[in-house]
PDB file of all heavy atoms in Angstrom:
ATOM      1  N   ALA A   1      23.418  -5.073  -6.108  1.00  0.00           N
ATOM      2  CA  ALA A   1      22.682  -3.824  -6.331  1.00  0.00           C
ATOM      3  C   ALA A   1      21.362  -4.101  -7.051  1.00  0.00           C
ATOM      4  O   ALA A   1      20.310  -3.533  -6.708  1.00  0.00           O
ATOM      5  CB  ALA A   1      23.532  -2.843  -7.138  1.00  0.00           C
ATOM      6  N   GLY A   2      21.400  -4.980  -8.059  1.00  0.00           N
ATOM      7  CA  GLY A   2      20.170  -5.358  -8.749  1.00  0.00           C
ATOM      8  C   GLY A   2      19.194  -6.070  -7.827  1.00  0.00           C
ATOM      9  O   GLY A   2      17.983  -5.835  -7.878  1.00  0.00           O
ATOM     10  N   GLY A   3      19.723  -6.924  -6.948  1.00  0.00           N
ATOM     11  CA  GLY A   3      18.864  -7.599  -5.980  1.00  0.00           C
ATOM     12  C   GLY A   3      18.239  -6.632  -4.997  1.00  0.00           C
ATOM     13  O   GLY A   3      17.064  -6.760  -4.637  1.00  0.00           O
ATOM     14  N   ALA A   4      19.024  -5.644  -4.556  1.00  0.00           N
ATOM     15  CA  ALA A   4      18.496  -4.636  -3.635  1.00  0.00           C
ATOM     16  C   ALA A   4      17.408  -3.805  -4.309  1.00  0.00           C
ATOM     17  O   ALA A   4      16.391  -3.461  -3.691  1.00  0.00           O
ATOM     18  CB  ALA A   4      19.623  -3.738  -3.139  1.00  0.00           C
ATOM     19  N   GLN A   5      17.618  -3.484  -5.595  1.00  0.00           N
ATOM     20  CA  GLN A   5      16.603  -2.708  -6.318  1.00  0.00           C
ATOM     21  C   GLN A   5      15.295  -3.495  -6.413  1.00  0.00           C
ATOM     22  O   GLN A   5      14.208  -2.961  -6.167  1.00  0.00           O
ATOM     23  CB  GLN A   5      17.130  -2.356  -7.712  1.00  0.00           C
ATOM     24  CG  GLN A   5      16.260  -1.384  -8.489  1.00  0.00           C
ATOM     25  CD  GLN A   5      15.145  -2.074  -9.270  1.00  0.00           C
ATOM     26  OE1 GLN A   5      15.295  -3.218  -9.687  1.00  0.00           O
ATOM     27  NE2 GLN A   5      14.051  -1.373  -9.472  1.00  0.00           N
ATOM     28  N   GLY A   6      15.387  -4.779  -6.763  1.00  0.00           N
ATOM     29  CA  GLY A   6      14.190  -5.600  -6.851  1.00  0.00           C
ATOM     30  C   GLY A   6      13.521  -5.797  -5.504  1.00  0.00           C
ATOM     31  O   GLY A   6      12.288  -5.776  -5.394  1.00  0.00           O
ATOM     32  N   THR A   7      14.324  -5.974  -4.454  1.00  0.00           N
ATOM     33  CA  THR A   7      13.773  -6.150  -3.118  1.00  0.00           C
ATOM     34  C   THR A   7      13.086  -4.878  -2.632  1.00  0.00           C
ATOM     35  O   THR A   7      12.021  -4.938  -2.003  1.00  0.00           O
ATOM     36  CB  THR A   7      14.883  -6.559  -2.132  1.00  0.00           C
ATOM     37  OG1 THR A   7      15.500  -7.768  -2.604  1.00  0.00           O
ATOM     38  CG2 THR A   7      14.329  -6.800  -0.742  1.00  0.00           C
ATOM     39  N   ALA A   8      13.695  -3.719  -2.910  1.00  0.00           N
ATOM     40  CA  ALA A   8      13.066  -2.451  -2.534  1.00  0.00           C
ATOM     41  C   ALA A   8      11.723  -2.285  -3.238  1.00  0.00           C
ATOM     42  O   ALA A   8      10.734  -1.845  -2.631  1.00  0.00           O
ATOM     43  CB  ALA A   8      13.994  -1.281  -2.879  1.00  0.00           C
ATOM     44  N   ARG A   9      11.676  -2.657  -4.514  1.00  0.00           N
ATOM     45  CA  ARG A   9      10.426  -2.550  -5.269  1.00  0.00           C
ATOM     46  C   ARG A   9       9.349  -3.454  -4.665  1.00  0.00           C
ATOM     47  O   ARG A   9       8.212  -3.013  -4.422  1.00  0.00           O
ATOM     48  CB  ARG A   9      10.671  -2.922  -6.736  1.00  0.00           C
ATOM     49  CG  ARG A   9       9.425  -2.866  -7.613  1.00  0.00           C
ATOM     50  CD  ARG A   9       9.763  -3.190  -9.057  1.00  0.00           C
ATOM     51  NE  ARG A   9      10.247  -4.548  -9.215  1.00  0.00           N
ATOM     52  CZ  ARG A   9       9.453  -5.607  -9.398  1.00  0.00           C
ATOM     53  NH1 ARG A   9       8.149  -5.459  -9.426  1.00  0.00           N
ATOM     54  NH2 ARG A   9       9.974  -6.808  -9.539  1.00  0.00           N
ATOM     55  N   LEU A  10       9.688  -4.726  -4.417  1.00  0.00           N
ATOM     56  CA  LEU A  10       8.693  -5.661  -3.888  1.00  0.00           C
ATOM     57  C   LEU A  10       8.295  -5.308  -2.458  1.00  0.00           C
ATOM     58  O   LEU A  10       7.144  -5.503  -2.064  1.00  0.00           O
ATOM     59  CB  LEU A  10       9.251  -7.082  -3.952  1.00  0.00           C
ATOM     60  CG  LEU A  10       9.396  -7.651  -5.368  1.00  0.00           C
ATOM     61  CD1 LEU A  10      10.149  -8.972  -5.342  1.00  0.00           C
ATOM     62  CD2 LEU A  10       8.032  -7.844  -6.010  1.00  0.00           C
ATOM     63  N   THR A  11       9.235  -4.794  -1.666  1.00  0.00           N
ATOM     64  CA  THR A  11       8.898  -4.354  -0.314  1.00  0.00           C
ATOM     65  C   THR A  11       7.913  -3.195  -0.368  1.00  0.00           C
ATOM     66  O   THR A  11       6.921  -3.157   0.380  1.00  0.00           O
ATOM     67  CB  THR A  11      10.163  -3.931   0.452  1.00  0.00           C
ATOM     68  OG1 THR A  11      11.067  -5.038   0.526  1.00  0.00           O
ATOM     69  CG2 THR A  11       9.822  -3.465   1.859  1.00  0.00           C
ATOM     70  N   GLY A  12       8.162  -2.237  -1.259  1.00  0.00           N
ATOM     71  CA  GLY A  12       7.244  -1.112  -1.410  1.00  0.00           C
ATOM     72  C   GLY A  12       5.871  -1.564  -1.871  1.00  0.00           C
ATOM     73  O   GLY A  12       4.844  -1.087  -1.358  1.00  0.00           O
ATOM     74  N   LEU A  13       5.821  -2.485  -2.834  1.00  0.00           N
ATOM     75  CA  LEU A  13       4.531  -2.988  -3.317  1.00  0.00           C
ATOM     76  C   LEU A  13       3.751  -3.685  -2.201  1.00  0.00           C
ATOM     77  O   LEU A  13       2.526  -3.535  -2.085  1.00  0.00           O
ATOM     78  CB  LEU A  13       4.752  -3.953  -4.485  1.00  0.00           C
ATOM     79  CG  LEU A  13       5.365  -3.350  -5.761  1.00  0.00           C
ATOM     80  CD1 LEU A  13       5.563  -4.431  -6.815  1.00  0.00           C
ATOM     81  CD2 LEU A  13       4.507  -2.223  -6.318  1.00  0.00           C
ATOM     82  N   THR A  14       4.475  -4.450  -1.359  1.00  0.00           N
ATOM     83  CA  THR A  14       3.812  -5.120  -0.238  1.00  0.00           C
ATOM     84  C   THR A  14       3.281  -4.104   0.766  1.00  0.00           C
ATOM     85  O   THR A  14       2.154  -4.223   1.264  1.00  0.00           O
ATOM     86  CB  THR A  14       4.799  -6.080   0.454  1.00  0.00           C
ATOM     87  OG1 THR A  14       5.276  -7.037  -0.492  1.00  0.00           O
ATOM     88  CG2 THR A  14       4.123  -6.811   1.602  1.00  0.00           C
ATOM     89  N   LEU A  15       4.083  -3.079   1.079  1.00  0.00           N
ATOM     90  CA  LEU A  15       3.640  -2.050   2.022  1.00  0.00           C
ATOM     91  C   LEU A  15       2.457  -1.268   1.466  1.00  0.00           C
ATOM     92  O   LEU A  15       1.543  -0.891   2.216  1.00  0.00           O
ATOM     93  CB  LEU A  15       4.798  -1.098   2.333  1.00  0.00           C
ATOM     94  CG  LEU A  15       5.957  -1.695   3.151  1.00  0.00           C
ATOM     95  CD1 LEU A  15       7.090  -0.680   3.269  1.00  0.00           C
ATOM     96  CD2 LEU A  15       5.478  -2.120   4.526  1.00  0.00           C
ATOM     97  N   GLY A  16       2.454  -1.032   0.151  1.00  0.00           N
ATOM     98  CA  GLY A  16       1.322  -0.338  -0.467  1.00  0.00           C
ATOM     99  C   GLY A  16       0.039  -1.146  -0.354  1.00  0.00           C
ATOM    100  O   GLY A  16      -1.034  -0.598  -0.061  1.00  0.00           O
ATOM    101  N   SER A  17       0.146  -2.454  -0.576  1.00  0.00           N
ATOM    102  CA  SER A  17      -1.024  -3.323  -0.421  1.00  0.00           C
ATOM    103  C   SER A  17      -1.508  -3.331   1.027  1.00  0.00           C
ATOM    104  O   SER A  17      -2.713  -3.283   1.300  1.00  0.00           O
ATOM    105  CB  SER A  17      -0.680  -4.758  -0.850  1.00  0.00           C
ATOM    106  OG  SER A  17      -0.341  -4.811  -2.215  1.00  0.00           O
ATOM    107  N   LEU A  18      -0.562  -3.406   1.974  1.00  0.00           N
ATOM    108  CA  LEU A  18      -0.925  -3.391   3.388  1.00  0.00           C
ATOM    109  C   LEU A  18      -1.600  -2.079   3.758  1.00  0.00           C
ATOM    110  O   LEU A  18      -2.597  -2.062   4.503  1.00  0.00           O
ATOM    111  CB  LEU A  18       0.330  -3.602   4.240  1.00  0.00           C
ATOM    112  CG  LEU A  18       0.144  -3.491   5.759  1.00  0.00           C
ATOM    113  CD1 LEU A  18      -0.843  -4.530   6.257  1.00  0.00           C
ATOM    114  CD2 LEU A  18       1.492  -3.643   6.464  1.00  0.00           C
ATOM    115  N   LEU A  19      -1.085  -0.973   3.230  1.00  0.00           N
ATOM    116  CA  LEU A  19      -1.683   0.333   3.506  1.00  0.00           C
ATOM    117  C   LEU A  19      -3.143   0.373   3.077  1.00  0.00           C
ATOM    118  O   LEU A  19      -4.020   0.841   3.815  1.00  0.00           O
ATOM    119  CB  LEU A  19      -0.881   1.425   2.786  1.00  0.00           C
ATOM    120  CG  LEU A  19      -1.421   2.854   2.862  1.00  0.00           C
ATOM    121  CD1 LEU A  19      -1.447   3.339   4.304  1.00  0.00           C
ATOM    122  CD2 LEU A  19      -0.569   3.790   2.008  1.00  0.00           C
ATOM    123  N   MET A  20      -3.421  -0.135   1.873  1.00  0.00           N
ATOM    124  CA  MET A  20      -4.802  -0.115   1.388  1.00  0.00           C
ATOM    125  C   MET A  20      -5.677  -1.105   2.154  1.00  0.00           C
ATOM    126  O   MET A  20      -6.868  -0.850   2.366  1.00  0.00           O
ATOM    127  CB  MET A  20      -4.846  -0.422  -0.107  1.00  0.00           C
ATOM    128  CG  MET A  20      -4.353   0.736  -0.966  1.00  0.00           C
ATOM    129  SD  MET A  20      -5.089   2.329  -0.520  1.00  0.00           S
ATOM    130  CE  MET A  20      -6.842   1.977  -0.693  1.00  0.00           C
ATOM    131  N   SER A  21      -5.112  -2.223   2.597  1.00  0.00           N
ATOM    132  CA  SER A  21      -5.884  -3.148   3.426  1.00  0.00           C
ATOM    133  C   SER A  21      -6.297  -2.466   4.722  1.00  0.00           C
ATOM    134  O   SER A  21      -7.437  -2.619   5.190  1.00  0.00           O
ATOM    135  CB  SER A  21      -5.061  -4.402   3.740  1.00  0.00           C
ATOM    136  OG  SER A  21      -4.791  -5.142   2.572  1.00  0.00           O
ATOM    137  N   LEU A  22      -5.384  -1.697   5.300  1.00  0.00           N
ATOM    138  CA  LEU A  22      -5.703  -0.956   6.519  1.00  0.00           C
ATOM    139  C   LEU A  22      -6.769   0.104   6.254  1.00  0.00           C
ATOM    140  O   LEU A  22      -7.686   0.288   7.058  1.00  0.00           O
ATOM    141  CB  LEU A  22      -4.438  -0.308   7.085  1.00  0.00           C
ATOM    142  CG  LEU A  22      -3.385  -1.263   7.671  1.00  0.00           C
ATOM    143  CD1 LEU A  22      -2.109  -0.505   8.015  1.00  0.00           C
ATOM    144  CD2 LEU A  22      -3.939  -1.958   8.902  1.00  0.00           C
ATOM    145  N   MET A  23      -6.652   0.796   5.131  1.00  0.00           N
ATOM    146  CA  MET A  23      -7.633   1.824   4.804  1.00  0.00           C
ATOM    147  C   MET A  23      -9.031   1.223   4.668  1.00  0.00           C
ATOM    148  O   MET A  23     -10.008   1.735   5.214  1.00  0.00           O
ATOM    149  CB  MET A  23      -7.249   2.521   3.493  1.00  0.00           C
ATOM    150  CG  MET A  23      -6.015   3.413   3.555  1.00  0.00           C
ATOM    151  SD  MET A  23      -6.225   4.873   4.584  1.00  0.00           S
ATOM    152  CE  MET A  23      -5.281   4.371   6.027  1.00  0.00           C
ATOM    153  N   PHE A  24      -9.137   0.112   3.943  1.00  0.00           N
ATOM    154  CA  PHE A  24     -10.442  -0.522   3.737  1.00  0.00           C
ATOM    155  C   PHE A  24     -10.961  -1.166   5.022  1.00  0.00           C
ATOM    156  O   PHE A  24     -12.174  -1.312   5.203  1.00  0.00           O
ATOM    157  CB  PHE A  24     -10.371  -1.562   2.622  1.00  0.00           C
ATOM    158  CG  PHE A  24     -10.295  -0.965   1.249  1.00  0.00           C
ATOM    159  CD1 PHE A  24      -9.201  -1.205   0.414  1.00  0.00           C
ATOM    160  CD2 PHE A  24     -11.307  -0.151   0.767  1.00  0.00           C
ATOM    161  CE1 PHE A  24      -9.127  -0.651  -0.843  1.00  0.00           C
ATOM    162  CE2 PHE A  24     -11.251   0.400  -0.494  1.00  0.00           C
ATOM    163  CZ  PHE A  24     -10.153   0.158  -1.305  1.00  0.00           C
ATOM    164  N   GLY A  25     -10.037  -1.570   5.917  1.00  0.00           N
ATOM    165  CA  GLY A  25     -10.460  -2.165   7.175  1.00  0.00           C
ATOM    166  C   GLY A  25     -10.911  -1.151   8.200  1.00  0.00           C
ATOM    167  O   GLY A  25     -11.746  -1.457   9.060  1.00  0.00           O
ATOM    168  N   LEU A  26     -10.370   0.062   8.128  1.00  0.00           N
ATOM    169  CA  LEU A  26     -10.652   1.070   9.145  1.00  0.00           C
ATOM    170  C   LEU A  26     -11.691   2.100   8.730  1.00  0.00           C
ATOM    171  O   LEU A  26     -12.306   2.741   9.586  1.00  0.00           O
ATOM    172  CB  LEU A  26      -9.345   1.797   9.518  1.00  0.00           C
ATOM    173  CG  LEU A  26      -8.238   0.935  10.135  1.00  0.00           C
ATOM    174  CD1 LEU A  26      -6.972   1.765  10.321  1.00  0.00           C
ATOM    175  CD2 LEU A  26      -8.689   0.346  11.465  1.00  0.00           C
ATOM    176  N   LEU A  27     -11.881   2.295   7.422  1.00  0.00           N
ATOM    177  CA  LEU A  27     -12.741   3.373   6.937  1.00  0.00           C
ATOM    178  C   LEU A  27     -13.874   2.828   6.089  1.00  0.00           C
ATOM    179  O   LEU A  27     -13.759   1.730   5.523  1.00  0.00           O
ATOM    180  CB  LEU A  27     -11.913   4.366   6.107  1.00  0.00           C
ATOM    181  CG  LEU A  27     -10.771   5.085   6.829  1.00  0.00           C
ATOM    182  CD1 LEU A  27      -9.944   5.878   5.823  1.00  0.00           C
ATOM    183  CD2 LEU A  27     -11.305   6.004   7.914  1.00  0.00           C
ATOM    184  N   PRO A  28     -14.962   3.583   5.961  1.00  0.00           N
ATOM    185  CA  PRO A  28     -16.014   3.191   5.019  1.00  0.00           C
ATOM    186  C   PRO A  28     -15.474   3.130   3.598  1.00  0.00           C
ATOM    187  O   PRO A  28     -14.534   3.864   3.246  1.00  0.00           O
ATOM    188  CB  PRO A  28     -17.063   4.304   5.167  1.00  0.00           C
ATOM    189  CG  PRO A  28     -16.776   4.945   6.479  1.00  0.00           C
ATOM    190  CD  PRO A  28     -15.301   4.802   6.708  1.00  0.00           C
ATOM    191  N   ALA A  29     -16.047   2.261   2.783  1.00  0.00           N
ATOM    192  CA  ALA A  29     -15.519   2.026   1.436  1.00  0.00           C
ATOM    193  C   ALA A  29     -15.473   3.303   0.598  1.00  0.00           C
ATOM    194  O   ALA A  29     -14.536   3.508  -0.180  1.00  0.00           O
ATOM    195  CB  ALA A  29     -16.364   0.974   0.728  1.00  0.00           C
ATOM    196  N   HIS A  30     -16.471   4.203   0.781  1.00  0.00           N
ATOM    197  CA  HIS A  30     -16.535   5.388  -0.078  1.00  0.00           C
ATOM    198  C   HIS A  30     -15.413   6.379   0.216  1.00  0.00           C
ATOM    199  O   HIS A  30     -15.061   7.193  -0.637  1.00  0.00           O
ATOM    200  CB  HIS A  30     -17.898   6.076   0.065  1.00  0.00           C
ATOM    201  CG  HIS A  30     -18.114   6.710   1.402  1.00  0.00           C
ATOM    202  ND1 HIS A  30     -18.597   5.998   2.470  1.00  0.00           N
ATOM    203  CD2 HIS A  30     -17.927   7.981   1.842  1.00  0.00           C
ATOM    204  CE1 HIS A  30     -18.702   6.793   3.523  1.00  0.00           C
ATOM    205  NE2 HIS A  30     -18.302   7.999   3.167  1.00  0.00           N
ATOM    206  N   SER A  31     -14.868   6.338   1.443  1.00  0.00           N
ATOM    207  CA  SER A  31     -13.794   7.278   1.778  1.00  0.00           C
ATOM    208  C   SER A  31     -12.415   6.628   1.848  1.00  0.00           C
ATOM    209  O   SER A  31     -11.395   7.318   1.834  1.00  0.00           O
ATOM    210  CB  SER A  31     -14.093   7.962   3.121  1.00  0.00           C
ATOM    211  OG  SER A  31     -14.226   7.000   4.156  1.00  0.00           O
ATOM    212  N   ALA A  32     -12.379   5.275   1.914  1.00  0.00           N
ATOM    213  CA  ALA A  32     -11.089   4.590   2.019  1.00  0.00           C
ATOM    214  C   ALA A  32     -10.216   4.837   0.801  1.00  0.00           C
ATOM    215  O   ALA A  32      -9.002   5.033   0.923  1.00  0.00           O
ATOM    216  CB  ALA A  32     -11.316   3.089   2.209  1.00  0.00           C
ATOM    217  N   ALA A  33     -10.827   4.848  -0.390  1.00  0.00           N
ATOM    218  CA  ALA A  33     -10.038   5.039  -1.610  1.00  0.00           C
ATOM    219  C   ALA A  33      -9.431   6.441  -1.653  1.00  0.00           C
ATOM    220  O   ALA A  33      -8.262   6.605  -2.013  1.00  0.00           O
ATOM    221  CB  ALA A  33     -10.917   4.796  -2.838  1.00  0.00           C
ATOM    222  N   ARG A  34     -10.228   7.450  -1.285  1.00  0.00           N
ATOM    223  CA  ARG A  34      -9.694   8.819  -1.301  1.00  0.00           C
ATOM    224  C   ARG A  34      -8.552   8.983  -0.292  1.00  0.00           C
ATOM    225  O   ARG A  34      -7.527   9.596  -0.595  1.00  0.00           O
ATOM    226  CB  ARG A  34     -10.821   9.810  -1.006  1.00  0.00           C
ATOM    227  CG  ARG A  34     -10.397  11.269  -1.162  1.00  0.00           C
ATOM    228  CD  ARG A  34     -11.522  12.197  -0.762  1.00  0.00           C
ATOM    229  NE  ARG A  34     -12.599  12.224  -1.733  1.00  0.00           N
ATOM    230  CZ  ARG A  34     -12.648  13.088  -2.753  1.00  0.00           C
ATOM    231  NH1 ARG A  34     -11.652  13.954  -2.930  1.00  0.00           N
ATOM    232  NH2 ARG A  34     -13.657  13.077  -3.587  1.00  0.00           N
ATOM    233  N   TRP A  35      -8.746   8.428   0.906  1.00  0.00           N
ATOM    234  CA  TRP A  35      -7.680   8.488   1.896  1.00  0.00           C
ATOM    235  C   TRP A  35      -6.463   7.677   1.453  1.00  0.00           C
ATOM    236  O   TRP A  35      -5.315   8.049   1.722  1.00  0.00           O
ATOM    237  CB  TRP A  35      -8.183   7.990   3.244  1.00  0.00           C
ATOM    238  CG  TRP A  35      -8.866   9.060   4.041  1.00  0.00           C
ATOM    239  CD1 TRP A  35     -10.208   9.251   4.192  1.00  0.00           C
ATOM    240  CD2 TRP A  35      -8.224  10.106   4.773  1.00  0.00           C
ATOM    241  NE1 TRP A  35     -10.447  10.350   4.973  1.00  0.00           N
ATOM    242  CE2 TRP A  35      -9.244  10.899   5.350  1.00  0.00           C
ATOM    243  CE3 TRP A  35      -6.895  10.461   4.994  1.00  0.00           C
ATOM    244  CZ2 TRP A  35      -8.974  12.008   6.142  1.00  0.00           C
ATOM    245  CZ3 TRP A  35      -6.610  11.563   5.784  1.00  0.00           C
ATOM    246  CH2 TRP A  35      -7.645  12.325   6.342  1.00  0.00           C
ATOM    247  N   GLY A  36      -6.724   6.563   0.775  1.00  0.00           N
ATOM    248  CA  GLY A  36      -5.617   5.775   0.256  1.00  0.00           C
ATOM    249  C   GLY A  36      -4.784   6.543  -0.745  1.00  0.00           C
ATOM    250  O   GLY A  36      -3.546   6.484  -0.739  1.00  0.00           O
ATOM    251  N   LEU A  37      -5.448   7.297  -1.627  1.00  0.00           N
ATOM    252  CA  LEU A  37      -4.720   8.137  -2.585  1.00  0.00           C
ATOM    253  C   LEU A  37      -3.916   9.213  -1.864  1.00  0.00           C
ATOM    254  O   LEU A  37      -2.784   9.537  -2.264  1.00  0.00           O
ATOM    255  CB  LEU A  37      -5.711   8.780  -3.557  1.00  0.00           C
ATOM    256  CG  LEU A  37      -6.298   7.846  -4.626  1.00  0.00           C
ATOM    257  CD1 LEU A  37      -7.425   8.548  -5.375  1.00  0.00           C
ATOM    258  CD2 LEU A  37      -5.210   7.402  -5.600  1.00  0.00           C
ATOM    259  N   ALA A  38      -4.494   9.771  -0.800  1.00  0.00           N
ATOM    260  CA  ALA A  38      -3.763  10.788  -0.036  1.00  0.00           C
ATOM    261  C   ALA A  38      -2.529  10.176   0.621  1.00  0.00           C
ATOM    262  O   ALA A  38      -1.440  10.781   0.613  1.00  0.00           O
ATOM    263  CB  ALA A  38      -4.687  11.401   1.014  1.00  0.00           C
TER     264      ALA A  38
END
């Protein structure tokens, strides 16, 4: 259970980083951050 909790956390952190990489890759810098927050 502890391993699953840690894995879920790290998986989420990786997906969050990937999401922002996509935002910065697809959108202008001035709007990528706002869309990332959304």
